[in-house]
């Protein structure tokens, strides 16, 4: 799961499941592009705990700046589809000092 929120309320299972970008199927390494819209107050990247997860984030809208270190890692139990048993996810979160003033493209690499 990848995406953004317009608030910074406590991140829940539903909040993660409702992120804009989801990958159907099994976890796989690679890079995905995430569009963060103007007004976003938090960027969230989540991957199952059993996998390596996020290894790098580049802000393509800011000269490919490496913003990996701006993300804080935590864990959240995320329920499966139709409220099936929850699985623990690593969750990386970035909360900017001010909301995004314009859209940004992030290239998120998973290991």
PDB file of N, CA and C in Angstrom:
ATOM      1  N   UNK A   1       0.847  -1.177   0.000  1.00  0.00           N
ATOM      2  CA  UNK A   1       0.000   0.000   0.000  1.00  0.00           C
ATOM      3  C   UNK A   1       0.887   1.232   0.000  1.00  0.00           C
ATOM      4  N   UNK A   2       0.532   2.225  -0.809  1.00  0.00           N
ATOM      5  CA  UNK A   2       1.240   3.504  -0.844  1.00  0.00           C
ATOM      6  C   UNK A   2       0.211   4.605  -1.042  1.00  0.00           C
ATOM      7  N   UNK A   3       0.496   5.764  -0.519  1.00  0.00           N
ATOM      8  CA  UNK A   3      -0.394   6.883  -0.761  1.00  0.00           C
ATOM      9  C   UNK A   3      -0.161   8.009   0.212  1.00  0.00           C
ATOM     10  N   UNK A   4      -1.177   8.847   0.335  1.00  0.00           N
ATOM     11  CA  UNK A   4      -1.068  10.020   1.183  1.00  0.00           C
ATOM     12  C   UNK A   4      -2.393  10.246   1.895  1.00  0.00           C
ATOM     13  N   UNK A   5      -2.344  11.052   2.950  1.00  0.00           N
ATOM     14  CA  UNK A   5      -3.558  11.447   3.658  1.00  0.00           C
ATOM     15  C   UNK A   5      -3.562  12.967   3.791  1.00  0.00           C
ATOM     16  N   UNK A   6      -4.735  13.517   4.017  1.00  0.00           N
ATOM     17  CA  UNK A   6      -4.844  14.964   4.210  1.00  0.00           C
ATOM     18  C   UNK A   6      -4.966  15.303   5.690  1.00  0.00           C
ATOM     19  N   UNK A   7      -4.758  14.291   6.532  1.00  0.00           N
ATOM     20  CA  UNK A   7      -4.728  14.518   7.977  1.00  0.00           C
ATOM     21  C   UNK A   7      -3.572  13.720   8.570  1.00  0.00           C
ATOM     22  N   UNK A   8      -3.348  13.901   9.858  1.00  0.00           N
ATOM     23  CA  UNK A   8      -2.275  13.158  10.522  1.00  0.00           C
ATOM     24  C   UNK A   8      -2.825  12.393  11.722  1.00  0.00           C
ATOM     25  N   UNK A   9      -4.103  12.021  11.659  1.00  0.00           N
ATOM     26  CA  UNK A   9      -4.706  11.220  12.728  1.00  0.00           C
ATOM     27  C   UNK A   9      -3.981   9.880  12.823  1.00  0.00           C
ATOM     28  N   UNK A  10      -4.158   9.190  13.929  1.00  0.00           N
ATOM     29  CA  UNK A  10      -3.524   7.892  14.127  1.00  0.00           C
ATOM     30  C   UNK A  10      -3.815   6.980  12.943  1.00  0.00           C
ATOM     31  N   UNK A  11      -2.781   6.347  12.435  1.00  0.00           N
ATOM     32  CA  UNK A  11      -2.907   5.469  11.278  1.00  0.00           C
ATOM     33  C   UNK A  11      -3.461   4.120  11.719  1.00  0.00           C
ATOM     34  N   UNK A  12      -4.553   3.692  11.091  1.00  0.00           N
ATOM     35  CA  UNK A  12      -5.226   2.445  11.441  1.00  0.00           C
ATOM     36  C   UNK A  12      -5.180   1.477  10.265  1.00  0.00           C
ATOM     37  N   UNK A  13      -5.650   0.274  10.507  1.00  0.00           N
ATOM     38  CA  UNK A  13      -5.764  -0.731   9.451  1.00  0.00           C
ATOM     39  C   UNK A  13      -6.586  -0.179   8.287  1.00  0.00           C
ATOM     40  N   UNK A  14      -7.750   0.400   8.586  1.00  0.00           N
ATOM     41  CA  UNK A  14      -8.603   0.958   7.526  1.00  0.00           C
ATOM     42  C   UNK A  14      -7.896   2.081   6.782  1.00  0.00           C
ATOM     43  N   UNK A  15      -7.159   2.918   7.513  1.00  0.00           N
ATOM     44  CA  UNK A  15      -6.431   4.006   6.867  1.00  0.00           C
ATOM     45  C   UNK A  15      -5.414   3.491   5.866  1.00  0.00           C
ATOM     46  N   UNK A  16      -4.724   2.417   6.214  1.00  0.00           N
ATOM     47  CA  UNK A  16      -3.749   1.836   5.289  1.00  0.00           C
ATOM     48  C   UNK A  16      -4.455   1.173   4.111  1.00  0.00           C
ATOM     49  N   UNK A  17      -5.520   0.424   4.385  1.00  0.00           N
ATOM     50  CA  UNK A  17      -6.241  -0.248   3.291  1.00  0.00           C
ATOM     51  C   UNK A  17      -6.874   0.757   2.323  1.00  0.00           C
ATOM     52  N   UNK A  18      -7.133   1.980   2.797  1.00  0.00           N
ATOM     53  CA  UNK A  18      -7.775   2.993   1.942  1.00  0.00           C
ATOM     54  C   UNK A  18      -6.786   3.884   1.197  1.00  0.00           C
ATOM     55  N   UNK A  19      -5.491   3.597   1.302  1.00  0.00           N
ATOM     56  CA  UNK A  19      -4.516   4.393   0.555  1.00  0.00           C
ATOM     57  C   UNK A  19      -4.767   4.254  -0.946  1.00  0.00           C
ATOM     58  N   UNK A  20      -4.328   5.240  -1.707  1.00  0.00           N
ATOM     59  CA  UNK A  20      -4.658   5.339  -3.121  1.00  0.00           C
ATOM     60  C   UNK A  20      -4.079   4.208  -3.975  1.00  0.00           C
ATOM     61  N   UNK A  21      -2.940   3.683  -3.624  1.00  0.00           N
ATOM     62  CA  UNK A  21      -2.270   2.722  -4.493  1.00  0.00           C
ATOM     63  C   UNK A  21      -2.097   1.391  -3.776  1.00  0.00           C
ATOM     64  N   UNK A  22      -2.600   0.335  -4.421  1.00  0.00           N
ATOM     65  CA  UNK A  22      -2.487  -1.009  -3.858  1.00  0.00           C
ATOM     66  C   UNK A  22      -1.968  -1.933  -4.940  1.00  0.00           C
ATOM     67  N   UNK A  23      -1.154  -2.889  -4.538  1.00  0.00           N
ATOM     68  CA  UNK A  23      -0.668  -3.875  -5.495  1.00  0.00           C
ATOM     69  C   UNK A  23      -1.402  -5.171  -5.232  1.00  0.00           C
ATOM     70  N   UNK A  24      -2.144  -5.637  -6.210  1.00  0.00           N
ATOM     71  CA  UNK A  24      -2.800  -6.923  -6.059  1.00  0.00           C
ATOM     72  C   UNK A  24      -1.777  -8.031  -6.234  1.00  0.00           C
ATOM     73  N   UNK A  25      -1.952  -9.125  -5.532  1.00  0.00           N
ATOM     74  CA  UNK A  25      -1.036 -10.242  -5.683  1.00  0.00           C
ATOM     75  C   UNK A  25       0.085 -10.211  -4.675  1.00  0.00           C
ATOM     76  N   UNK A  26       1.023 -11.107  -4.869  1.00  0.00           N
ATOM     77  CA  UNK A  26       2.120 -11.288  -3.925  1.00  0.00           C
ATOM     78  C   UNK A  26       3.093 -10.112  -3.956  1.00  0.00           C
ATOM     79  N   UNK A  27       3.780  -9.920  -2.834  1.00  0.00           N
ATOM     80  CA  UNK A  27       4.818  -8.900  -2.712  1.00  0.00           C
ATOM     81  C   UNK A  27       5.928  -9.186  -3.731  1.00  0.00           C
ATOM     82  N   UNK A  28       6.463  -8.136  -4.329  1.00  0.00           N
ATOM     83  CA  UNK A  28       7.612  -8.309  -5.223  1.00  0.00           C
ATOM     84  C   UNK A  28       8.489  -7.067  -5.159  1.00  0.00           C
ATOM     85  N   UNK A  29       9.786  -7.278  -5.372  1.00  0.00           N
ATOM     86  CA  UNK A  29      10.728  -6.164  -5.389  1.00  0.00           C
ATOM     87  C   UNK A  29      10.514  -5.349  -6.656  1.00  0.00           C
ATOM     88  N   UNK A  30      10.885  -4.080  -6.598  1.00  0.00           N
ATOM     89  CA  UNK A  30      10.764  -3.209  -7.761  1.00  0.00           C
ATOM     90  C   UNK A  30      10.444  -1.800  -7.328  1.00  0.00           C
ATOM     91  N   UNK A  31      10.229  -0.938  -8.301  1.00  0.00           N
ATOM     92  CA  UNK A  31       9.948   0.473  -8.035  1.00  0.00           C
ATOM     93  C   UNK A  31       8.550   0.825  -8.517  1.00  0.00           C
ATOM     94  N   UNK A  32       7.817   1.569  -7.694  1.00  0.00           N
ATOM     95  CA  UNK A  32       6.497   2.060  -8.067  1.00  0.00           C
ATOM     96  C   UNK A  32       6.508   3.576  -7.945  1.00  0.00           C
ATOM     97  N   UNK A  33       5.729   4.223  -8.775  1.00  0.00           N
ATOM     98  CA  UNK A  33       5.588   5.684  -8.734  1.00  0.00           C
ATOM     99  C   UNK A  33       4.327   6.021  -7.948  1.00  0.00           C
ATOM    100  N   UNK A  34       4.450   6.956  -7.038  1.00  0.00           N
ATOM    101  CA  UNK A  34       3.330   7.395  -6.219  1.00  0.00           C
ATOM    102  C   UNK A  34       3.148   8.891  -6.439  1.00  0.00           C
ATOM    103  N   UNK A  35       1.941   9.289  -6.821  1.00  0.00           N
ATOM    104  CA  UNK A  35       1.629  10.708  -6.964  1.00  0.00           C
ATOM    105  C   UNK A  35       1.047  11.203  -5.651  1.00  0.00           C
ATOM    106  N   UNK A  36       1.704  12.189  -5.070  1.00  0.00           N
ATOM    107  CA  UNK A  36       1.229  12.820  -3.842  1.00  0.00           C
ATOM    108  C   UNK A  36       0.613  14.150  -4.251  1.00  0.00           C
ATOM    109  N   UNK A  37      -0.674  14.301  -4.008  1.00  0.00           N
ATOM    110  CA  UNK A  37      -1.405  15.498  -4.443  1.00  0.00           C
ATOM    111  C   UNK A  37      -1.165  16.684  -3.509  1.00  0.00           C
ATOM    112  N   UNK A  38      -1.277  17.876  -4.072  1.00  0.00           N
ATOM    113  CA  UNK A  38      -1.184  19.101  -3.278  1.00  0.00           C
ATOM    114  C   UNK A  38      -2.193  19.020  -2.139  1.00  0.00           C
ATOM    115  N   UNK A  39      -1.795  19.461  -0.967  1.00  0.00           N
ATOM    116  CA  UNK A  39      -2.656  19.409   0.212  1.00  0.00           C
ATOM    117  C   UNK A  39      -2.381  18.213   1.111  1.00  0.00           C
ATOM    118  N   UNK A  40      -1.588  17.260   0.630  1.00  0.00           N
ATOM    119  CA  UNK A  40      -1.273  16.079   1.434  1.00  0.00           C
ATOM    120  C   UNK A  40      -0.489  16.484   2.675  1.00  0.00           C
ATOM    121  N   UNK A  41      -0.839  15.875   3.803  1.00  0.00           N
ATOM    122  CA  UNK A  41      -0.158  16.165   5.066  1.00  0.00           C
ATOM    123  C   UNK A  41       0.643  14.976   5.575  1.00  0.00           C
ATOM    124  N   UNK A  42       0.536  13.830   4.875  1.00  0.00           N
ATOM    125  CA  UNK A  42       1.284  12.643   5.298  1.00  0.00           C
ATOM    126  C   UNK A  42       1.416  11.708   4.100  1.00  0.00           C
ATOM    127  N   UNK A  43       2.601  11.110   3.951  1.00  0.00           N
ATOM    128  CA  UNK A  43       2.844  10.086   2.927  1.00  0.00           C
ATOM    129  C   UNK A  43       3.058   8.774   3.671  1.00  0.00           C
ATOM    130  N   UNK A  44       2.432   7.693   3.160  1.00  0.00           N
ATOM    131  CA  UNK A  44       2.484   6.402   3.837  1.00  0.00           C
ATOM    132  C   UNK A  44       2.878   5.317   2.843  1.00  0.00           C
ATOM    133  N   UNK A  45       3.808   4.456   3.263  1.00  0.00           N
ATOM    134  CA  UNK A  45       4.227   3.288   2.485  1.00  0.00           C
ATOM    135  C   UNK A  45       4.133   2.102   3.429  1.00  0.00           C
ATOM    136  N   UNK A  46       3.453   1.036   3.011  1.00  0.00           N
ATOM    137  CA  UNK A  46       3.279  -0.120   3.883  1.00  0.00           C
ATOM    138  C   UNK A  46       3.563  -1.407   3.117  1.00  0.00           C
ATOM    139  N   UNK A  47       4.228  -2.340   3.788  1.00  0.00           N
ATOM    140  CA  UNK A  47       4.540  -3.639   3.196  1.00  0.00           C
ATOM    141  C   UNK A  47       4.484  -4.704   4.292  1.00  0.00           C
ATOM    142  N   UNK A  48       4.092  -5.927   3.941  1.00  0.00           N
ATOM    143  CA  UNK A  48       4.025  -6.992   4.949  1.00  0.00           C
ATOM    144  C   UNK A  48       5.342  -7.137   5.700  1.00  0.00           C
ATOM    145  N   UNK A  49       5.259  -7.378   6.993  1.00  0.00           N
ATOM    146  CA  UNK A  49       6.423  -7.483   7.869  1.00  0.00           C
ATOM    147  C   UNK A  49       7.416  -8.540   7.386  1.00  0.00           C
ATOM    148  N   UNK A  50       6.926  -9.604   6.798  1.00  0.00           N
ATOM    149  CA  UNK A  50       7.795 -10.704   6.370  1.00  0.00           C
ATOM    150  C   UNK A  50       8.673 -10.343   5.173  1.00  0.00           C
ATOM    151  N   UNK A  51       8.409  -9.221   4.521  1.00  0.00           N
ATOM    152  CA  UNK A  51       9.177  -8.817   3.349  1.00  0.00           C
ATOM    153  C   UNK A  51      10.130  -7.684   3.680  1.00  0.00           C
ATOM    154  N   UNK A  52      11.116  -7.485   2.823  1.00  0.00           N
ATOM    155  CA  UNK A  52      12.113  -6.440   3.063  1.00  0.00           C
ATOM    156  C   UNK A  52      11.472  -5.058   3.111  1.00  0.00           C
ATOM    157  N   UNK A  53      10.537  -4.810   2.224  1.00  0.00           N
ATOM    158  CA  UNK A  53       9.828  -3.541   2.244  1.00  0.00           C
ATOM    159  C   UNK A  53      10.579  -2.431   1.535  1.00  0.00           C
ATOM    160  N   UNK A  54      10.249  -1.189   1.902  1.00  0.00           N
ATOM    161  CA  UNK A  54      10.788  -0.005   1.245  1.00  0.00           C
ATOM    162  C   UNK A  54      12.282   0.120   1.516  1.00  0.00           C
ATOM    163  N   UNK A  55      13.042   0.357   0.446  1.00  0.00           N
ATOM    164  CA  UNK A  55      14.489   0.532   0.603  1.00  0.00           C
ATOM    165  C   UNK A  55      14.958   1.909   0.165  1.00  0.00           C
ATOM    166  N   UNK A  56      14.179   2.604  -0.660  1.00  0.00           N
ATOM    167  CA  UNK A  56      14.583   3.932  -1.121  1.00  0.00           C
ATOM    168  C   UNK A  56      13.363   4.691  -1.625  1.00  0.00           C
ATOM    169  N   UNK A  57      13.373   6.018  -1.400  1.00  0.00           N
ATOM    170  CA  UNK A  57      12.339   6.902  -1.941  1.00  0.00           C
ATOM    171  C   UNK A  57      13.036   8.102  -2.565  1.00  0.00           C
ATOM    172  N   UNK A  58      12.777   8.314  -3.846  1.00  0.00           N
ATOM    173  CA  UNK A  58      13.296   9.486  -4.553  1.00  0.00           C
ATOM    174  C   UNK A  58      12.137  10.407  -4.894  1.00  0.00           C
ATOM    175  N   UNK A  59      12.303  11.701  -4.649  1.00  0.00           N
ATOM    176  CA  UNK A  59      11.291  12.686  -5.032  1.00  0.00           C
ATOM    177  C   UNK A  59      11.651  13.178  -6.428  1.00  0.00           C
ATOM    178  N   UNK A  60      10.989  12.603  -7.426  1.00  0.00           N
ATOM    179  CA  UNK A  60      11.291  12.958  -8.811  1.00  0.00           C
ATOM    180  C   UNK A  60      10.914  14.403  -9.126  1.00  0.00           C
ATOM    181  N   UNK A  61      10.039  14.983  -8.330  1.00  0.00           N
ATOM    182  CA  UNK A  61       9.617  16.369  -8.546  1.00  0.00           C
ATOM    183  C   UNK A  61      10.606  17.368  -7.960  1.00  0.00           C
ATOM    184  N   UNK A  62      11.593  16.864  -7.249  1.00  0.00           N
ATOM    185  CA  UNK A  62      12.615  17.719  -6.625  1.00  0.00           C
ATOM    186  C   UNK A  62      13.998  17.210  -7.019  1.00  0.00           C
ATOM    187  N   UNK A  63      14.237  17.119  -8.333  1.00  0.00           N
ATOM    188  CA  UNK A  63      15.537  16.719  -8.877  1.00  0.00           C
ATOM    189  C   UNK A  63      16.006  15.355  -8.363  1.00  0.00           C
ATOM    190  N   UNK A  64      15.057  14.432  -8.198  1.00  0.00           N
ATOM    191  CA  UNK A  64      15.367  13.079  -7.729  1.00  0.00           C
ATOM    192  C   UNK A  64      16.043  13.057  -6.360  1.00  0.00           C
ATOM    193  N   UNK A  65      15.656  13.977  -5.504  1.00  0.00           N
ATOM    194  CA  UNK A  65      16.230  14.021  -4.154  1.00  0.00           C
ATOM    195  C   UNK A  65      15.913  12.730  -3.415  1.00  0.00           C
ATOM    196  N   UNK A  66      16.916  12.171  -2.751  1.00  0.00           N
ATOM    197  CA  UNK A  66      16.728  10.975  -1.946  1.00  0.00           C
ATOM    198  C   UNK A  66      16.101  11.405  -0.619  1.00  0.00           C
ATOM    199  N   UNK A  67      14.834  11.038  -0.413  1.00  0.00           N
ATOM    200  CA  UNK A  67      14.108  11.438   0.789  1.00  0.00           C
ATOM    201  C   UNK A  67      13.845  10.246   1.719  1.00  0.00           C
ATOM    202  N   UNK A  68      14.559   9.163   1.503  1.00  0.00           N
ATOM    203  CA  UNK A  68      14.362   7.946   2.290  1.00  0.00           C
ATOM    204  C   UNK A  68      14.456   8.212   3.785  1.00  0.00           C
ATOM    205  N   UNK A  69      15.436   8.982   4.190  1.00  0.00           N
ATOM    206  CA  UNK A  69      15.682   9.208   5.622  1.00  0.00           C
ATOM    207  C   UNK A  69      14.606  10.061   6.287  1.00  0.00           C
ATOM    208  N   UNK A  70      13.713  10.675   5.526  1.00  0.00           N
ATOM    209  CA  UNK A  70      12.650  11.484   6.120  1.00  0.00           C
ATOM    210  C   UNK A  70      11.475  10.627   6.603  1.00  0.00           C
ATOM    211  N   UNK A  71      11.469   9.349   6.247  1.00  0.00           N
ATOM    212  CA  UNK A  71      10.377   8.454   6.632  1.00  0.00           C
ATOM    213  C   UNK A  71      10.687   7.775   7.956  1.00  0.00           C
ATOM    214  N   UNK A  72       9.668   7.665   8.805  1.00  0.00           N
ATOM    215  CA  UNK A  72       9.782   7.018  10.109  1.00  0.00           C
ATOM    216  C   UNK A  72       9.066   5.669  10.031  1.00  0.00           C
ATOM    217  N   UNK A  73       9.746   4.618  10.498  1.00  0.00           N
ATOM    218  CA  UNK A  73       9.205   3.264  10.412  1.00  0.00           C
ATOM    219  C   UNK A  73       8.456   2.882  11.689  1.00  0.00           C
ATOM    220  N   UNK A  74       7.315   2.207  11.506  1.00  0.00           N
ATOM    221  CA  UNK A  74       6.537   1.662  12.620  1.00  0.00           C
ATOM    222  C   UNK A  74       5.877   0.375  12.130  1.00  0.00           C
ATOM    223  N   UNK A  75       5.066  -0.250  12.954  1.00  0.00           N
ATOM    224  CA  UNK A  75       4.305  -1.418  12.522  1.00  0.00           C
ATOM    225  C   UNK A  75       2.829  -1.200  12.829  1.00  0.00           C
ATOM    226  N   UNK A  76       1.981  -1.753  11.967  1.00  0.00           N
ATOM    227  CA  UNK A  76       0.529  -1.674  12.140  1.00  0.00           C
ATOM    228  C   UNK A  76      -0.051  -3.015  11.714  1.00  0.00           C
ATOM    229  N   UNK A  77      -1.002  -3.541  12.479  1.00  0.00           N
ATOM    230  CA  UNK A  77      -1.714  -4.746  12.075  1.00  0.00           C
ATOM    231  C   UNK A  77      -2.804  -4.348  11.092  1.00  0.00           C
ATOM    232  N   UNK A  78      -2.730  -4.904   9.874  1.00  0.00           N
ATOM    233  CA  UNK A  78      -3.657  -4.554   8.797  1.00  0.00           C
ATOM    234  C   UNK A  78      -4.548  -5.754   8.510  1.00  0.00           C
ATOM    235  N   UNK A  79      -5.863  -5.545   8.646  1.00  0.00           N
ATOM    236  CA  UNK A  79      -6.812  -6.622   8.377  1.00  0.00           C
ATOM    237  C   UNK A  79      -6.823  -6.968   6.899  1.00  0.00           C
ATOM    238  N   UNK A  80      -7.074  -8.240   6.623  1.00  0.00           N
ATOM    239  CA  UNK A  80      -7.199  -8.680   5.244  1.00  0.00           C
ATOM    240  C   UNK A  80      -8.528  -8.251   4.656  1.00  0.00           C
ATOM    241  N   UNK A  81      -8.716  -8.529   3.369  1.00  0.00           N
ATOM    242  CA  UNK A  81      -9.980  -8.207   2.701  1.00  0.00           C
ATOM    243  C   UNK A  81     -11.133  -8.865   3.446  1.00  0.00           C
ATOM    244  N   UNK A  82     -12.263  -8.186   3.482  1.00  0.00           N
ATOM    245  CA  UNK A  82     -13.467  -8.688   4.150  1.00  0.00           C
ATOM    246  C   UNK A  82     -13.236  -9.010   5.616  1.00  0.00           C
ATOM    247  N   UNK A  83     -12.346  -8.230   6.255  1.00  0.00           N
ATOM    248  CA  UNK A  83     -12.061  -8.340   7.690  1.00  0.00           C
ATOM    249  C   UNK A  83     -11.392  -9.663   8.074  1.00  0.00           C
ATOM    250  N   UNK A  84     -10.687 -10.279   7.129  1.00  0.00           N
ATOM    251  CA  UNK A  84      -9.942 -11.499   7.453  1.00  0.00           C
ATOM    252  C   UNK A  84      -8.832 -11.163   8.432  1.00  0.00           C
ATOM    253  N   UNK A  85      -8.226 -12.194   9.001  1.00  0.00           N
ATOM    254  CA  UNK A  85      -7.206 -12.043  10.030  1.00  0.00           C
ATOM    255  C   UNK A  85      -6.146 -11.010   9.645  1.00  0.00           C
ATOM    256  N   UNK A  86      -5.783 -10.194  10.605  1.00  0.00           N
ATOM    257  CA  UNK A  86      -4.810  -9.125  10.362  1.00  0.00           C
ATOM    258  C   UNK A  86      -3.402  -9.687  10.221  1.00  0.00           C
ATOM    259  N   UNK A  87      -2.609  -8.993   9.421  1.00  0.00           N
ATOM    260  CA  UNK A  87      -1.183  -9.290   9.272  1.00  0.00           C
ATOM    261  C   UNK A  87      -0.423  -8.031   9.672  1.00  0.00           C
ATOM    262  N   UNK A  88       0.735  -8.217  10.272  1.00  0.00           N
ATOM    263  CA  UNK A  88       1.538  -7.062  10.679  1.00  0.00           C
ATOM    264  C   UNK A  88       2.294  -6.515   9.473  1.00  0.00           C
ATOM    265  N   UNK A  89       2.242  -5.201   9.311  1.00  0.00           N
ATOM    266  CA  UNK A  89       2.915  -4.507   8.214  1.00  0.00           C
ATOM    267  C   UNK A  89       3.946  -3.546   8.775  1.00  0.00           C
ATOM    268  N   UNK A  90       5.081  -3.424   8.085  1.00  0.00           N
ATOM    269  CA  UNK A  90       5.993  -2.316   8.322  1.00  0.00           C
ATOM    270  C   UNK A  90       5.374  -1.117   7.620  1.00  0.00           C
ATOM    271  N   UNK A  91       5.357   0.007   8.301  1.00  0.00           N
ATOM    272  CA  UNK A  91       4.757   1.217   7.745  1.00  0.00           C
ATOM    273  C   UNK A  91       5.762   2.355   7.874  1.00  0.00           C
ATOM    274  N   UNK A  92       6.067   2.999   6.744  1.00  0.00           N
ATOM    275  CA  UNK A  92       6.967   4.149   6.717  1.00  0.00           C
ATOM    276  C   UNK A  92       6.119   5.379   6.479  1.00  0.00           C
ATOM    277  N   UNK A  93       6.311   6.394   7.319  1.00  0.00           N
ATOM    278  CA  UNK A  93       5.482   7.591   7.259  1.00  0.00           C
ATOM    279  C   UNK A  93       6.355   8.840   7.198  1.00  0.00           C
ATOM    280  N   UNK A  94       5.933   9.769   6.353  1.00  0.00           N
ATOM    281  CA  UNK A  94       6.567  11.084   6.302  1.00  0.00           C
ATOM    282  C   UNK A  94       5.487  12.132   6.506  1.00  0.00           C
ATOM    283  N   UNK A  95       5.685  13.003   7.499  1.00  0.00           N
ATOM    284  CA  UNK A  95       4.770  14.119   7.757  1.00  0.00           C
ATOM    285  C   UNK A  95       5.561  15.403   7.553  1.00  0.00           C
ATOM    286  N   UNK A  96       5.286  16.128   6.452  1.00  0.00           N
ATOM    287  CA  UNK A  96       6.030  17.367   6.203  1.00  0.00           C
ATOM    288  C   UNK A  96       5.634  18.459   7.198  1.00  0.00           C
ATOM    289  N   UNK A  97       6.502  19.454   7.338  1.00  0.00           N
ATOM    290  CA  UNK A  97       6.207  20.582   8.240  1.00  0.00           C
ATOM    291  C   UNK A  97       4.964  21.340   7.793  1.00  0.00           C
ATOM    292  N   UNK A  98       4.771  21.458   6.488  1.00  0.00           N
ATOM    293  CA  UNK A  98       3.568  22.076   5.922  1.00  0.00           C
ATOM    294  C   UNK A  98       3.048  21.143   4.827  1.00  0.00           C
ATOM    295  N   UNK A  99       1.756  21.209   4.571  1.00  0.00           N
ATOM    296  CA  UNK A  99       1.153  20.355   3.548  1.00  0.00           C
ATOM    297  C   UNK A  99       1.825  20.600   2.192  1.00  0.00           C
ATOM    298  N   UNK A 100       1.841  19.573   1.357  1.00  0.00           N
ATOM    299  CA  UNK A 100       2.415  19.705   0.012  1.00  0.00           C
ATOM    300  C   UNK A 100       1.724  20.859  -0.712  1.00  0.00           C
ATOM    301  N   UNK A 101       2.521  21.766  -1.282  1.00  0.00           N
ATOM    302  CA  UNK A 101       1.985  22.916  -1.996  1.00  0.00           C
ATOM    303  C   UNK A 101       1.654  22.609  -3.443  1.00  0.00           C
ATOM    304  N   UNK A 102       2.217  21.526  -3.950  1.00  0.00           N
ATOM    305  CA  UNK A 102       1.956  21.095  -5.328  1.00  0.00           C
ATOM    306  C   UNK A 102       2.103  19.584  -5.386  1.00  0.00           C
ATOM    307  N   UNK A 103       1.609  18.996  -6.481  1.00  0.00           N
ATOM    308  CA  UNK A 103       1.740  17.553  -6.647  1.00  0.00           C
ATOM    309  C   UNK A 103       3.212  17.157  -6.689  1.00  0.00           C
ATOM    310  N   UNK A 104       3.509  15.966  -6.213  1.00  0.00           N
ATOM    311  CA  UNK A 104       4.874  15.433  -6.247  1.00  0.00           C
ATOM    312  C   UNK A 104       4.819  13.984  -6.723  1.00  0.00           C
ATOM    313  N   UNK A 105       5.840  13.566  -7.417  1.00  0.00           N
ATOM    314  CA  UNK A 105       5.979  12.176  -7.855  1.00  0.00           C
ATOM    315  C   UNK A 105       7.110  11.545  -7.056  1.00  0.00           C
ATOM    316  N   UNK A 106       6.802  10.489  -6.325  1.00  0.00           N
ATOM    317  CA  UNK A 106       7.804   9.744  -5.570  1.00  0.00           C
ATOM    318  C   UNK A 106       8.042   8.406  -6.229  1.00  0.00           C
ATOM    319  N   UNK A 107       9.301   8.021  -6.372  1.00  0.00           N
ATOM    320  CA  UNK A 107       9.673   6.701  -6.869  1.00  0.00           C
ATOM    321  C   UNK A 107      10.072   5.878  -5.648  1.00  0.00           C
ATOM    322  N   UNK A 108       9.235   4.909  -5.307  1.00  0.00           N
ATOM    323  CA  UNK A 108       9.437   4.093  -4.113  1.00  0.00           C
ATOM    324  C   UNK A 108       9.992   2.738  -4.545  1.00  0.00           C
ATOM    325  N   UNK A 109      11.159   2.387  -4.019  1.00  0.00           N
ATOM    326  CA  UNK A 109      11.783   1.103  -4.350  1.00  0.00           C
ATOM    327  C   UNK A 109      11.583   0.135  -3.194  1.00  0.00           C
ATOM    328  N   UNK A 110      11.124  -1.067  -3.544  1.00  0.00           N
ATOM    329  CA  UNK A 110      10.948  -2.156  -2.592  1.00  0.00           C
ATOM    330  C   UNK A 110      12.018  -3.196  -2.845  1.00  0.00           C
ATOM    331  N   UNK A 111      12.618  -3.728  -1.771  1.00  0.00           N
ATOM    332  CA  UNK A 111      13.677  -4.720  -1.892  1.00  0.00           C
ATOM    333  C   UNK A 111      13.153  -6.130  -1.894  1.00  0.00           C
TER     334      UNK A 111
END
